[in-house]
C-alpha atoms as a PDB file:
ATOM      1  CA  MET A   1       0.000   0.000   0.000  1.00  0.00           C
ATOM      2  CA  ALA A   2       1.539   3.246  -1.150  1.00  0.00           C
ATOM      3  CA  THR A   3       1.180   6.295   1.059  1.00  0.00           C
ATOM      4  CA  LEU A   4       2.082   9.941   0.657  1.00  0.00           C
ATOM      5  CA  ARG A   5       4.765   9.440   3.282  1.00  0.00           C
ATOM      6  CA  ASN A   6       6.369   6.666   1.196  1.00  0.00           C
ATOM      7  CA  LEU A   7       6.207   8.869  -1.877  1.00  0.00           C
ATOM      8  CA  LYS A   8       7.839  11.740  -0.016  1.00  0.00           C
ATOM      9  CA  ILE A   9      10.661   9.450   1.178  1.00  0.00           C
ATOM     10  CA  LYS A  10      11.248   8.038  -2.307  1.00  0.00           C
ATOM     11  CA  THR A  11      11.187  11.533  -3.801  1.00  0.00           C
ATOM     12  CA  GLY A  12      13.818  12.613  -1.283  1.00  0.00           C
ATOM     13  CA  THR A  13      15.940   9.588  -2.126  1.00  0.00           C
ATOM     14  CA  CYS A  14      15.728  10.344  -5.829  1.00  0.00           C
ATOM     15  CA  LYS A  15      16.709  13.986  -5.214  1.00  0.00           C
ATOM     16  CA  ARG A  16      19.695  12.926  -3.112  1.00  0.00           C
ATOM     17  CA  VAL A  17      20.994  10.439  -5.696  1.00  0.00           C
ATOM     18  CA  LEU A  18      20.528  13.011  -8.457  1.00  0.00           C
ATOM     19  CA  LYS A  19      22.507  15.540  -6.441  1.00  0.00           C
ATOM     20  CA  GLU A  20      25.236  12.916  -5.879  1.00  0.00           C
ATOM     21  CA  LEU A  21      25.425  12.229  -9.610  1.00  0.00           C
ATOM     22  CA  TYR A  22      25.876  15.923 -10.404  1.00  0.00           C
ATOM     23  CA  SER A  23      28.500  16.151  -7.685  1.00  0.00           C
ATOM     24  CA  TYR A  24      30.496  13.219  -9.085  1.00  0.00           C
ATOM     25  CA  GLU A  25      30.314  14.631 -12.605  1.00  0.00           C
ATOM     26  CA  LYS A  26      31.720  17.950 -11.363  1.00  0.00           C
ATOM     27  CA  GLU A  27      34.404  16.095  -9.404  1.00  0.00           C
ATOM     28  CA  VAL A  28      35.475  14.175 -12.524  1.00  0.00           C
ATOM     29  CA  GLU A  29      35.794  17.441 -14.460  1.00  0.00           C
ATOM     30  CA  ARG A  30      37.805  19.012 -11.648  1.00  0.00           C
ATOM     31  CA  GLU A  31      40.104  15.996 -11.224  1.00  0.00           C
ATOM     32  CA  ALA A  32      40.619  15.616 -14.991  1.00  0.00           C
ATOM     33  CA  SER A  33      41.651  19.248 -15.164  1.00  0.00           C
ATOM     34  CA  LYS A  34      44.025  18.789 -12.249  1.00  0.00           C
ATOM     35  CA  THR A  35      45.531  15.651 -13.837  1.00  0.00           C
ATOM     36  CA  ALA A  36      46.051  17.418 -17.168  1.00  0.00           C
ATOM     37  CA  ASP A  37      47.658  20.353 -15.351  1.00  0.00           C
ATOM     38  CA  MET A  38      50.013  18.003 -13.504  1.00  0.00           C
ATOM     39  CA  LYS A  39      51.026  16.285 -16.763  1.00  0.00           C
ATOM     40  CA  GLU A  40      51.606  19.660 -18.394  1.00  0.00           C
ATOM     41  CA  LYS A  41      53.832  20.837 -15.549  1.00  0.00           C
ATOM     42  CA  GLY A  42      55.801  17.572 -15.503  1.00  0.00           C
ATOM     43  CA  ALA A  43      54.822  16.501 -11.991  1.00  0.00           C
ATOM     44  CA  ASP A  44      56.479  13.653 -10.138  1.00  0.00           C
ATOM     45  CA  PRO A  45      55.426  10.305 -11.696  1.00  0.00           C
ATOM     46  CA  TYR A  46      54.254   8.947  -8.328  1.00  0.00           C
ATOM     47  CA  ASP A  47      52.063  11.992  -7.670  1.00  0.00           C
ATOM     48  CA  LEU A  48      50.696  11.803 -11.191  1.00  0.00           C
ATOM     49  CA  LYS A  49      49.857   8.118 -10.764  1.00  0.00           C
ATOM     50  CA  GLN A  50      48.037   8.871  -7.499  1.00  0.00           C
ATOM     51  CA  GLN A  51      46.062  11.657  -9.167  1.00  0.00           C
ATOM     52  CA  GLU A  52      45.115   9.310 -12.018  1.00  0.00           C
ATOM     53  CA  ASN A  53      43.854   6.805  -9.419  1.00  0.00           C
ATOM     54  CA  VAL A  54      41.704   9.525  -7.822  1.00  0.00           C
ATOM     55  CA  LEU A  55      40.281  10.377 -11.239  1.00  0.00           C
ATOM     56  CA  ALA A  56      39.567   6.707 -12.010  1.00  0.00           C
ATOM     57  CA  GLU A  57      37.738   6.277  -8.693  1.00  0.00           C
ATOM     58  CA  SER A  58      35.594   9.312  -9.394  1.00  0.00           C
ATOM     59  CA  ARG A  59      34.761   8.007 -12.859  1.00  0.00           C
ATOM     60  CA  MET A  60      33.747   4.626 -11.417  1.00  0.00           C
ATOM     61  CA  MET A  61      31.168   6.282  -9.165  1.00  0.00           C
ATOM     62  CA  ILE A  62      29.148   7.768 -12.028  1.00  0.00           C
ATOM     63  CA  PRO A  63      27.777   4.455 -13.409  1.00  0.00           C
ATOM     64  CA  ASP A  64      26.974   3.356  -9.843  1.00  0.00           C
ATOM     65  CA  CYS A  65      25.050   6.583  -9.224  1.00  0.00           C
ATOM     66  CA  ARG A  66      23.192   6.228 -12.517  1.00  0.00           C
ATOM     67  CA  LYS A  67      22.174   2.683 -11.599  1.00  0.00           C
ATOM     68  CA  ARG A  68      20.913   3.806  -8.182  1.00  0.00           C
ATOM     69  CA  LEU A  69      19.073   6.690  -9.847  1.00  0.00           C
ATOM     70  CA  GLU A  70      17.368   4.304 -12.270  1.00  0.00           C
ATOM     71  CA  THR A  71      16.264   2.107  -9.354  1.00  0.00           C
ATOM     72  CA  SER A  72      15.043   5.124  -7.422  1.00  0.00           C
ATOM     73  CA  LEU A  73      13.162   6.390 -10.475  1.00  0.00           C
ATOM     74  CA  ALA A  74      11.408   3.033 -10.897  1.00  0.00           C
ATOM     75  CA  ASP A  75      10.417   3.044  -7.207  1.00  0.00           C
ATOM     76  CA  ILE A  76       9.014   6.558  -7.318  1.00  0.00           C
ATOM     77  CA  LYS A  77       7.070   5.822 -10.528  1.00  0.00           C
ATOM     78  CA  GLU A  78       5.563   2.684  -9.005  1.00  0.00           C
ATOM     79  CA  THR A  79       4.529   4.478  -5.820  1.00  0.00           C
ATOM     80  CA  LEU A  80       3.080   7.393  -7.779  1.00  0.00           C
ATOM     81  CA  ALA A  81       1.080   5.012  -9.986  1.00  0.00           C
ATOM     82  CA  GLN A  82      -0.316   3.236  -6.913  1.00  0.00           C
ATOM     83  CA  LEU A  83      -1.356   6.532  -5.374  1.00  0.00           C
ATOM     84  CA  GLU A  84      -2.998   7.670  -8.596  1.00  0.00           C
ATOM     85  CA  GLU A  85      -4.922   4.374  -8.771  1.00  0.00           C
ATOM     86  CA  SER A  86      -6.243   5.007  -5.276  1.00  0.00           C
ATOM     87  CA  ASN A  87      -7.663   8.351  -6.503  1.00  0.00           C
ATOM     88  CA  GLN A  88      -5.045  10.645  -4.996  1.00  0.00           C
ATOM     89  CA  GLN A  89      -4.393  12.867  -7.987  1.00  0.00           C
ATOM     90  CA  ASP A  90      -3.338  16.164  -6.432  1.00  0.00           C
ATOM     91  CA  GLY A  91      -1.107  17.428  -3.698  1.00  0.00           C
ATOM     92  CA  PRO A  92       2.312  18.945  -3.259  1.00  0.00           C
ATOM     93  CA  GLU A  93       3.952  15.533  -2.724  1.00  0.00           C
ATOM     94  CA  LEU A  94       2.606  14.210  -6.020  1.00  0.00           C
ATOM     95  CA  ASP A  95       3.587  17.377  -7.883  1.00  0.00           C
ATOM     96  CA  GLU A  96       7.106  17.194  -6.463  1.00  0.00           C
ATOM     97  CA  ALA A  97       7.380  13.525  -7.469  1.00  0.00           C
ATOM     98  CA  ARG A  98       6.259  14.284 -11.020  1.00  0.00           C
ATOM     99  CA  LYS A  99       8.775  17.133 -11.222  1.00  0.00           C
ATOM    100  CA  ILE A 100      11.640  14.855 -10.124  1.00  0.00           C
ATOM    101  CA  ILE A 101      10.553  12.124 -12.549  1.00  0.00           C
ATOM    102  CA  ASP A 102      10.609  14.638 -15.414  1.00  0.00           C
ATOM    103  CA  GLU A 103      14.027  15.953 -14.376  1.00  0.00           C
ATOM    104  CA  VAL A 104      15.580  12.482 -14.150  1.00  0.00           C
ATOM    105  CA  GLU A 105      14.040  11.294 -17.427  1.00  0.00           C
ATOM    106  CA  THR A 106      15.315  14.439 -19.153  1.00  0.00           C
ATOM    107  CA  LEU A 107      18.784  13.760 -17.763  1.00  0.00           C
ATOM    108  CA  PHE A 108      18.726  10.186 -19.072  1.00  0.00           C
ATOM    109  CA  LYS A 109      17.500  11.314 -22.498  1.00  0.00           C
ATOM    110  CA  THR A 110      20.188  13.973 -22.873  1.00  0.00           C
ATOM    111  CA  SER A 111      22.968  11.631 -21.760  1.00  0.00           C
ATOM    112  CA  GLU A 112      21.846   8.958 -24.269  1.00  0.00           C
ATOM    113  CA  ALA A 113      21.855  11.388 -27.187  1.00  0.00           C
END
């Protein structure tokens, strides 16, 4: 049985994972820039190797975040559908959930293109 409370929790989870994904993407950009700068300046090979490891770790987190976001999106859609079936069509929680669903689906569409 889906409740508004469950929907609110799942919406919050989806928001958090989306925020994490954006954060990791920014971190990858920042670390890639730092790695390129170190290569350009001829940094110590050990330091460069460590920086490349940091960059690789950051890159590995993006697919994990995307997978968790897909799972979270499926959960929120299922809960929203159950609530709509039980004749709860309006409310701030439902509007917020629809907004997050649109945002995540847009993100997935733009990253596939």
